[in-house]
Amino acid sequence: MIHLAVELKLPGMTFEYALNRTKQSDKNQAFHLIQSFAKGEVSHEEAHRIGIELADRLLQGKFSYIVATHTDRGHPHNHIIFLRR
């Protein structure tokens, strides 16, 4: 499952635009958070919803982000990736 908090029509272009606005001298152009849950603690759908809620609360609409929920392991986990503006 992937959630894009960007304009749905042009998500790639939106991220490309944000990345191009980042100073080339900046070492961190994007940030990657991993949110893990214990096996059986939540369903993959619940994990995804919780990941979106976390990203919304942390980023407060200031950054575009992606929440990707992995379902290929014994435990659900999210990758939350957001770009600097």
PDB file of N, CA and C in Angstrom:
ATOM      1  N   MET A   1       0.841  -1.175   0.000  1.00  0.00           N
ATOM      2  CA  MET A   1       0.000   0.000   0.000  1.00  0.00           C
ATOM      3  C   MET A   1       0.883   1.234   0.000  1.00  0.00           C
ATOM      4  N   ILE A   2       0.500   2.206  -0.789  1.00  0.00           N
ATOM      5  CA  ILE A   2       1.239   3.462  -0.843  1.00  0.00           C
ATOM      6  C   ILE A   2       0.245   4.604  -0.738  1.00  0.00           C
ATOM      7  N   HIS A   3       0.582   5.591   0.039  1.00  0.00           N
ATOM      8  CA  HIS A   3      -0.237   6.790   0.169  1.00  0.00           C
ATOM      9  C   HIS A   3       0.616   7.963  -0.259  1.00  0.00           C
ATOM     10  N   LEU A   4       0.106   8.759  -1.180  1.00  0.00           N
ATOM     11  CA  LEU A   4       0.815   9.949  -1.625  1.00  0.00           C
ATOM     12  C   LEU A   4       0.102  11.183  -1.090  1.00  0.00           C
ATOM     13  N   ALA A   5       0.814  12.015  -0.384  1.00  0.00           N
ATOM     14  CA  ALA A   5       0.238  13.274   0.085  1.00  0.00           C
ATOM     15  C   ALA A   5       0.718  14.378  -0.849  1.00  0.00           C
ATOM     16  N   VAL A   6       0.441  14.201  -2.100  1.00  0.00           N
ATOM     17  CA  VAL A   6       0.782  15.173  -3.128  1.00  0.00           C
ATOM     18  C   VAL A   6      -0.388  15.220  -4.094  1.00  0.00           C
ATOM     19  N   GLU A   7      -0.336  16.127  -5.035  1.00  0.00           N
ATOM     20  CA  GLU A   7      -1.398  16.197  -6.025  1.00  0.00           C
ATOM     21  C   GLU A   7      -1.461  14.871  -6.763  1.00  0.00           C
ATOM     22  N   LEU A   8      -2.612  14.237  -6.790  1.00  0.00           N
ATOM     23  CA  LEU A   8      -2.733  12.904  -7.348  1.00  0.00           C
ATOM     24  C   LEU A   8      -2.481  12.844  -8.841  1.00  0.00           C
ATOM     25  N   LYS A   9      -2.768  13.896  -9.576  1.00  0.00           N
ATOM     26  CA  LYS A   9      -2.591  13.875 -11.021  1.00  0.00           C
ATOM     27  C   LYS A   9      -1.122  13.829 -11.416  1.00  0.00           C
ATOM     28  N   LEU A  10      -0.262  14.490 -10.667  1.00  0.00           N
ATOM     29  CA  LEU A  10       1.146  14.609 -11.050  1.00  0.00           C
ATOM     30  C   LEU A  10       2.093  14.370  -9.884  1.00  0.00           C
ATOM     31  N   PRO A  11       1.982  13.245  -9.175  1.00  0.00           N
ATOM     32  CA  PRO A  11       2.830  13.066  -7.985  1.00  0.00           C
ATOM     33  C   PRO A  11       4.311  13.073  -8.299  1.00  0.00           C
ATOM     34  N   GLY A  12       4.724  12.447  -9.409  1.00  0.00           N
ATOM     35  CA  GLY A  12       6.140  12.419  -9.756  1.00  0.00           C
ATOM     36  C   GLY A  12       6.681  13.800 -10.019  1.00  0.00           C
ATOM     37  N   MET A  13       5.912  14.597 -10.740  1.00  0.00           N
ATOM     38  CA  MET A  13       6.349  15.953 -11.048  1.00  0.00           C
ATOM     39  C   MET A  13       6.392  16.814  -9.797  1.00  0.00           C
ATOM     40  N   THR A  14       5.470  16.584  -8.875  1.00  0.00           N
ATOM     41  CA  THR A  14       5.458  17.351  -7.640  1.00  0.00           C
ATOM     42  C   THR A  14       6.708  17.063  -6.823  1.00  0.00           C
ATOM     43  N   PHE A  15       7.081  15.779  -6.704  1.00  0.00           N
ATOM     44  CA  PHE A  15       8.288  15.425  -5.973  1.00  0.00           C
ATOM     45  C   PHE A  15       9.524  15.940  -6.692  1.00  0.00           C
ATOM     46  N   GLU A  16       9.542  15.833  -7.998  1.00  0.00           N
ATOM     47  CA  GLU A  16      10.689  16.329  -8.773  1.00  0.00           C
ATOM     48  C   GLU A  16      10.850  17.829  -8.573  1.00  0.00           C
ATOM     49  N   TYR A  17       9.746  18.551  -8.591  1.00  0.00           N
ATOM     50  CA  TYR A  17       9.782  19.992  -8.369  1.00  0.00           C
ATOM     51  C   TYR A  17      10.342  20.313  -6.980  1.00  0.00           C
ATOM     52  N   ALA A  18       9.844  19.619  -5.955  1.00  0.00           N
ATOM     53  CA  ALA A  18      10.322  19.859  -4.587  1.00  0.00           C
ATOM     54  C   ALA A  18      11.795  19.523  -4.456  1.00  0.00           C
ATOM     55  N   LEU A  19      12.221  18.428  -5.066  1.00  0.00           N
ATOM     56  CA  LEU A  19      13.626  18.041  -4.999  1.00  0.00           C
ATOM     57  C   LEU A  19      14.513  19.067  -5.692  1.00  0.00           C
ATOM     58  N   ASN A  20      14.063  19.594  -6.817  1.00  0.00           N
ATOM     59  CA  ASN A  20      14.849  20.591  -7.542  1.00  0.00           C
ATOM     60  C   ASN A  20      14.954  21.902  -6.783  1.00  0.00           C
ATOM     61  N   ARG A  21      14.003  22.170  -5.903  1.00  0.00           N
ATOM     62  CA  ARG A  21      14.050  23.398  -5.098  1.00  0.00           C
ATOM     63  C   ARG A  21      15.006  23.268  -3.920  1.00  0.00           C
ATOM     64  N   THR A  22      15.440  22.063  -3.587  1.00  0.00           N
ATOM     65  CA  THR A  22      16.373  21.842  -2.491  1.00  0.00           C
ATOM     66  C   THR A  22      17.760  22.274  -2.928  1.00  0.00           C
ATOM     67  N   LYS A  23      18.458  22.932  -2.056  1.00  0.00           N
ATOM     68  CA  LYS A  23      19.816  23.377  -2.379  1.00  0.00           C
ATOM     69  C   LYS A  23      20.700  22.165  -2.633  1.00  0.00           C
ATOM     70  N   GLN A  24      21.464  22.218  -3.681  1.00  0.00           N
ATOM     71  CA  GLN A  24      22.340  21.100  -4.034  1.00  0.00           C
ATOM     72  C   GLN A  24      23.397  20.848  -2.964  1.00  0.00           C
ATOM     73  N   SER A  25      23.743  21.873  -2.178  1.00  0.00           N
ATOM     74  CA  SER A  25      24.747  21.698  -1.129  1.00  0.00           C
ATOM     75  C   SER A  25      24.188  20.983   0.101  1.00  0.00           C
ATOM     76  N   ASP A  26      22.857  20.900   0.210  1.00  0.00           N
ATOM     77  CA  ASP A  26      22.244  20.208   1.343  1.00  0.00           C
ATOM     78  C   ASP A  26      22.494  18.713   1.226  1.00  0.00           C
ATOM     79  N   LYS A  27      22.978  18.104   2.286  1.00  0.00           N
ATOM     80  CA  LYS A  27      23.237  16.667   2.271  1.00  0.00           C
ATOM     81  C   LYS A  27      21.940  15.864   2.298  1.00  0.00           C
ATOM     82  N   ASN A  28      20.966  16.328   3.046  1.00  0.00           N
ATOM     83  CA  ASN A  28      19.696  15.602   3.176  1.00  0.00           C
ATOM     84  C   ASN A  28      18.626  16.283   2.342  1.00  0.00           C
ATOM     85  N   GLN A  29      18.280  15.663   1.229  1.00  0.00           N
ATOM     86  CA  GLN A  29      17.214  16.206   0.389  1.00  0.00           C
ATOM     87  C   GLN A  29      15.877  15.550   0.717  1.00  0.00           C
ATOM     88  N   ALA A  30      15.934  14.412   1.353  1.00  0.00           N
ATOM     89  CA  ALA A  30      14.725  13.711   1.768  1.00  0.00           C
ATOM     90  C   ALA A  30      15.026  12.987   3.076  1.00  0.00           C
ATOM     91  N   PHE A  31      13.985  12.662   3.789  1.00  0.00           N
ATOM     92  CA  PHE A  31      14.127  11.953   5.054  1.00  0.00           C
ATOM     93  C   PHE A  31      13.279  10.695   5.008  1.00  0.00           C
ATOM     94  N   HIS A  32      13.726   9.666   5.705  1.00  0.00           N
ATOM     95  CA  HIS A  32      13.089   8.348   5.664  1.00  0.00           C
ATOM     96  C   HIS A  32      12.880   7.879   7.098  1.00  0.00           C
ATOM     97  N   LEU A  33      11.619   7.696   7.467  1.00  0.00           N
ATOM     98  CA  LEU A  33      11.276   7.155   8.774  1.00  0.00           C
ATOM     99  C   LEU A  33      10.735   5.744   8.589  1.00  0.00           C
ATOM    100  N   ILE A  34      11.037   4.856   9.522  1.00  0.00           N
ATOM    101  CA  ILE A  34      10.471   3.511   9.511  1.00  0.00           C
ATOM    102  C   ILE A  34       9.662   3.343  10.793  1.00  0.00           C
ATOM    103  N   GLN A  35       8.431   2.919  10.637  1.00  0.00           N
ATOM    104  CA  GLN A  35       7.526   2.701  11.763  1.00  0.00           C
ATOM    105  C   GLN A  35       7.140   1.224  11.751  1.00  0.00           C
ATOM    106  N   SER A  36       7.545   0.491  12.784  1.00  0.00           N
ATOM    107  CA  SER A  36       7.298  -0.956  12.832  1.00  0.00           C
ATOM    108  C   SER A  36       6.293  -1.302  13.916  1.00  0.00           C
ATOM    109  N   PHE A  37       5.595  -2.401  13.692  1.00  0.00           N
ATOM    110  CA  PHE A  37       4.628  -2.918  14.644  1.00  0.00           C
ATOM    111  C   PHE A  37       4.969  -4.382  14.922  1.00  0.00           C
ATOM    112  N   ALA A  38       4.652  -4.844  16.116  1.00  0.00           N
ATOM    113  CA  ALA A  38       4.875  -6.247  16.466  1.00  0.00           C
ATOM    114  C   ALA A  38       3.922  -7.133  15.665  1.00  0.00           C
ATOM    115  N   LYS A  39       4.339  -8.346  15.417  1.00  0.00           N
ATOM    116  CA  LYS A  39       3.505  -9.298  14.695  1.00  0.00           C
ATOM    117  C   LYS A  39       2.165  -9.450  15.411  1.00  0.00           C
ATOM    118  N   GLY A  40       1.069  -9.266  14.675  1.00  0.00           N
ATOM    119  CA  GLY A  40      -0.269  -9.402  15.247  1.00  0.00           C
ATOM    120  C   GLY A  40      -0.791  -8.173  15.974  1.00  0.00           C
ATOM    121  N   GLU A  41       0.043  -7.157  16.134  1.00  0.00           N
ATOM    122  CA  GLU A  41      -0.381  -5.950  16.862  1.00  0.00           C
ATOM    123  C   GLU A  41      -1.468  -5.186  16.090  1.00  0.00           C
ATOM    124  N   VAL A  42      -1.275  -5.043  14.791  1.00  0.00           N
ATOM    125  CA  VAL A  42      -2.242  -4.344  13.932  1.00  0.00           C
ATOM    126  C   VAL A  42      -2.277  -5.044  12.580  1.00  0.00           C
ATOM    127  N   SER A  43      -3.361  -4.840  11.848  1.00  0.00           N
ATOM    128  CA  SER A  43      -3.420  -5.357  10.480  1.00  0.00           C
ATOM    129  C   SER A  43      -2.597  -4.436   9.579  1.00  0.00           C
ATOM    130  N   HIS A  44      -2.348  -4.888   8.356  1.00  0.00           N
ATOM    131  CA  HIS A  44      -1.609  -4.036   7.410  1.00  0.00           C
ATOM    132  C   HIS A  44      -2.392  -2.763   7.112  1.00  0.00           C
ATOM    133  N   GLU A  45      -3.694  -2.878   7.019  1.00  0.00           N
ATOM    134  CA  GLU A  45      -4.533  -1.705   6.761  1.00  0.00           C
ATOM    135  C   GLU A  45      -4.460  -0.710   7.918  1.00  0.00           C
ATOM    136  N   GLU A  46      -4.511  -1.230   9.156  1.00  0.00           N
ATOM    137  CA  GLU A  46      -4.397  -0.357  10.324  1.00  0.00           C
ATOM    138  C   GLU A  46      -3.018   0.296  10.376  1.00  0.00           C
ATOM    139  N   ALA A  47      -1.981  -0.468  10.078  1.00  0.00           N
ATOM    140  CA  ALA A  47      -0.622   0.078  10.074  1.00  0.00           C
ATOM    141  C   ALA A  47      -0.527   1.230   9.080  1.00  0.00           C
ATOM    142  N   HIS A  48      -1.119   1.042   7.907  1.00  0.00           N
ATOM    143  CA  HIS A  48      -1.072   2.081   6.875  1.00  0.00           C
ATOM    144  C   HIS A  48      -1.792   3.346   7.348  1.00  0.00           C
ATOM    145  N   ARG A  49      -2.976   3.169   7.921  1.00  0.00           N
ATOM    146  CA  ARG A  49      -3.739   4.312   8.427  1.00  0.00           C
ATOM    147  C   ARG A  49      -2.961   5.048   9.521  1.00  0.00           C
ATOM    148  N   ILE A  50      -2.345   4.295  10.418  1.00  0.00           N
ATOM    149  CA  ILE A  50      -1.554   4.892  11.498  1.00  0.00           C
ATOM    150  C   ILE A  50      -0.352   5.636  10.925  1.00  0.00           C
ATOM    151  N   GLY A  51       0.273   5.090   9.882  1.00  0.00           N
ATOM    152  CA  GLY A  51       1.396   5.764   9.235  1.00  0.00           C
ATOM    153  C   GLY A  51       0.987   7.097   8.636  1.00  0.00           C
ATOM    154  N   ILE A  52      -0.180   7.129   7.999  1.00  0.00           N
ATOM    155  CA  ILE A  52      -0.684   8.383   7.427  1.00  0.00           C
ATOM    156  C   ILE A  52      -0.960   9.394   8.534  1.00  0.00           C
ATOM    157  N   GLU A  53      -1.578   8.931   9.615  1.00  0.00           N
ATOM    158  CA  GLU A  53      -1.860   9.822  10.745  1.00  0.00           C
ATOM    159  C   GLU A  53      -0.567  10.382  11.334  1.00  0.00           C
ATOM    160  N   LEU A  54       0.453   9.533  11.481  1.00  0.00           N
ATOM    161  CA  LEU A  54       1.732   9.995  12.014  1.00  0.00           C
ATOM    162  C   LEU A  54       2.351  11.045  11.097  1.00  0.00           C
ATOM    163  N   ALA A  55       2.384  10.768   9.801  1.00  0.00           N
ATOM    164  CA  ALA A  55       2.966  11.714   8.849  1.00  0.00           C
ATOM    165  C   ALA A  55       2.213  13.039   8.877  1.00  0.00           C
ATOM    166  N   ASP A  56       0.884  12.979   8.902  1.00  0.00           N
ATOM    167  CA  ASP A  56       0.095  14.211   8.948  1.00  0.00           C
ATOM    168  C   ASP A  56       0.394  15.022  10.203  1.00  0.00           C
ATOM    169  N   ARG A  57       0.509  14.350  11.330  1.00  0.00           N
ATOM    170  CA  ARG A  57       0.780  15.062  12.591  1.00  0.00           C
ATOM    171  C   ARG A  57       2.194  15.634  12.630  1.00  0.00           C
ATOM    172  N   LEU A  58       3.163  14.849  12.212  1.00  0.00           N
ATOM    173  CA  LEU A  58       4.554  15.307  12.263  1.00  0.00           C
ATOM    174  C   LEU A  58       4.836  16.420  11.254  1.00  0.00           C
ATOM    175  N   LEU A  59       4.318  16.281  10.060  1.00  0.00           N
ATOM    176  CA  LEU A  59       4.690  17.184   8.970  1.00  0.00           C
ATOM    177  C   LEU A  59       3.754  18.378   8.827  1.00  0.00           C
ATOM    178  N   GLN A  60       2.577  18.307   9.435  1.00  0.00           N
ATOM    179  CA  GLN A  60       1.631  19.427   9.511  1.00  0.00           C
ATOM    180  C   GLN A  60       1.393  20.114   8.169  1.00  0.00           C
ATOM    181  N   GLY A  61       1.351  19.344   7.084  1.00  0.00           N
ATOM    182  CA  GLY A  61       1.086  19.901   5.766  1.00  0.00           C
ATOM    183  C   GLY A  61       2.228  20.683   5.158  1.00  0.00           C
ATOM    184  N   LYS A  62       3.404  20.676   5.787  1.00  0.00           N
ATOM    185  CA  LYS A  62       4.538  21.460   5.295  1.00  0.00           C
ATOM    186  C   LYS A  62       5.378  20.717   4.267  1.00  0.00           C
ATOM    187  N   PHE A  63       5.234  19.404   4.186  1.00  0.00           N
ATOM    188  CA  PHE A  63       6.073  18.598   3.304  1.00  0.00           C
ATOM    189  C   PHE A  63       5.220  17.584   2.551  1.00  0.00           C
ATOM    190  N   SER A  64       5.605  17.301   1.311  1.00  0.00           N
ATOM    191  CA  SER A  64       5.006  16.197   0.567  1.00  0.00           C
ATOM    192  C   SER A  64       5.598  14.906   1.109  1.00  0.00           C
ATOM    193  N   TYR A  65       4.784  13.850   1.149  1.00  0.00           N
ATOM    194  CA  TYR A  65       5.300  12.596   1.674  1.00  0.00           C
ATOM    195  C   TYR A  65       4.668  11.402   1.002  1.00  0.00           C
ATOM    196  N   ILE A  66       5.311  10.257   1.206  1.00  0.00           N
ATOM    197  CA  ILE A  66       4.792   8.963   0.772  1.00  0.00           C
ATOM    198  C   ILE A  66       4.814   8.048   1.989  1.00  0.00           C
ATOM    199  N   VAL A  67       3.731   7.298   2.182  1.00  0.00           N
ATOM    200  CA  VAL A  67       3.712   6.224   3.176  1.00  0.00           C
ATOM    201  C   VAL A  67       3.581   4.918   2.404  1.00  0.00           C
ATOM    202  N   ALA A  68       4.578   4.062   2.519  1.00  0.00           N
ATOM    203  CA  ALA A  68       4.544   2.739   1.888  1.00  0.00           C
ATOM    204  C   ALA A  68       4.500   1.706   3.002  1.00  0.00           C
ATOM    205  N   THR A  69       3.465   0.888   3.010  1.00  0.00           N
ATOM    206  CA  THR A  69       3.301  -0.143   4.029  1.00  0.00           C
ATOM    207  C   THR A  69       3.715  -1.481   3.448  1.00  0.00           C
ATOM    208  N   HIS A  70       4.695  -2.106   4.072  1.00  0.00           N
ATOM    209  CA  HIS A  70       5.174  -3.399   3.603  1.00  0.00           C
ATOM    210  C   HIS A  70       4.325  -4.525   4.170  1.00  0.00           C
ATOM    211  N   THR A  71       3.944  -5.427   3.299  1.00  0.00           N
ATOM    212  CA  THR A  71       3.135  -6.576   3.701  1.00  0.00           C
ATOM    213  C   THR A  71       3.880  -7.887   3.463  1.00  0.00           C
ATOM    214  N   ASP A  72       5.165  -7.794   3.144  1.00  0.00           N
ATOM    215  CA  ASP A  72       5.947  -8.978   2.768  1.00  0.00           C
ATOM    216  C   ASP A  72       6.783  -9.542   3.914  1.00  0.00           C
ATOM    217  N   ARG A  73       6.603  -9.037   5.107  1.00  0.00           N
ATOM    218  CA  ARG A  73       7.349  -9.519   6.273  1.00  0.00           C
ATOM    219  C   ARG A  73       6.373 -10.085   7.293  1.00  0.00           C
ATOM    220  N   GLY A  74       6.884 -10.656   8.353  1.00  0.00           N
ATOM    221  CA  GLY A  74       6.039 -11.213   9.396  1.00  0.00           C
ATOM    222  C   GLY A  74       5.367 -10.161  10.254  1.00  0.00           C
ATOM    223  N   HIS A  75       5.796  -8.925  10.109  1.00  0.00           N
ATOM    224  CA  HIS A  75       5.208  -7.834  10.881  1.00  0.00           C
ATOM    225  C   HIS A  75       4.976  -6.649   9.941  1.00  0.00           C
ATOM    226  N   PRO A  76       3.870  -5.914  10.120  1.00  0.00           N
ATOM    227  CA  PRO A  76       3.638  -4.738   9.281  1.00  0.00           C
ATOM    228  C   PRO A  76       4.600  -3.620   9.651  1.00  0.00           C
ATOM    229  N   HIS A  77       5.049  -2.906   8.650  1.00  0.00           N
ATOM    230  CA  HIS A  77       5.858  -1.724   8.908  1.00  0.00           C
ATOM    231  C   HIS A  77       5.688  -0.724   7.772  1.00  0.00           C
ATOM    232  N   ASN A  78       5.860   0.538   8.127  1.00  0.00           N
ATOM    233  CA  ASN A  78       5.710   1.642   7.190  1.00  0.00           C
ATOM    234  C   ASN A  78       7.053   2.281   6.908  1.00  0.00           C
ATOM    235  N   HIS A  79       7.184   2.751   5.690  1.00  0.00           N
ATOM    236  CA  HIS A  79       8.284   3.630   5.306  1.00  0.00           C
ATOM    237  C   HIS A  79       7.631   4.965   4.990  1.00  0.00           C
ATOM    238  N   ILE A  80       8.038   5.995   5.705  1.00  0.00           N
ATOM    239  CA  ILE A  80       7.515   7.342   5.485  1.00  0.00           C
ATOM    240  C   ILE A  80       8.664   8.172   4.946  1.00  0.00           C
ATOM    241  N   ILE A  81       8.507   8.652   3.732  1.00  0.00           N
ATOM    242  CA  ILE A  81       9.564   9.406   3.072  1.00  0.00           C
ATOM    243  C   ILE A  81       9.015  10.795   2.759  1.00  0.00           C
ATOM    244  N   PHE A  82       9.754  11.828   3.182  1.00  0.00           N
ATOM    245  CA  PHE A  82       9.305  13.173   2.870  1.00  0.00           C
ATOM    246  C   PHE A  82      10.486  14.023   2.412  1.00  0.00           C
ATOM    247  N   LEU A  83      10.170  15.000   1.570  1.00  0.00           N
ATOM    248  CA  LEU A  83      11.168  15.866   0.974  1.00  0.00           C
ATOM    249  C   LEU A  83      11.231  17.184   1.711  1.00  0.00           C
ATOM    250  N   ARG A  84      12.424  17.752   1.710  1.00  0.00           N
ATOM    251  CA  ARG A  84      12.583  19.113   2.227  1.00  0.00           C
ATOM    252  C   ARG A  84      12.034  20.077   1.213  1.00  0.00           C
ATOM    253  N   ARG A  85      11.520  21.167   1.674  1.00  0.00           N
ATOM    254  CA  ARG A  85      11.064  22.221   0.759  1.00  0.00           C
ATOM    255  C   ARG A  85      12.050  23.337   0.753  1.00  0.00           C
TER     256      ARG A  85
END
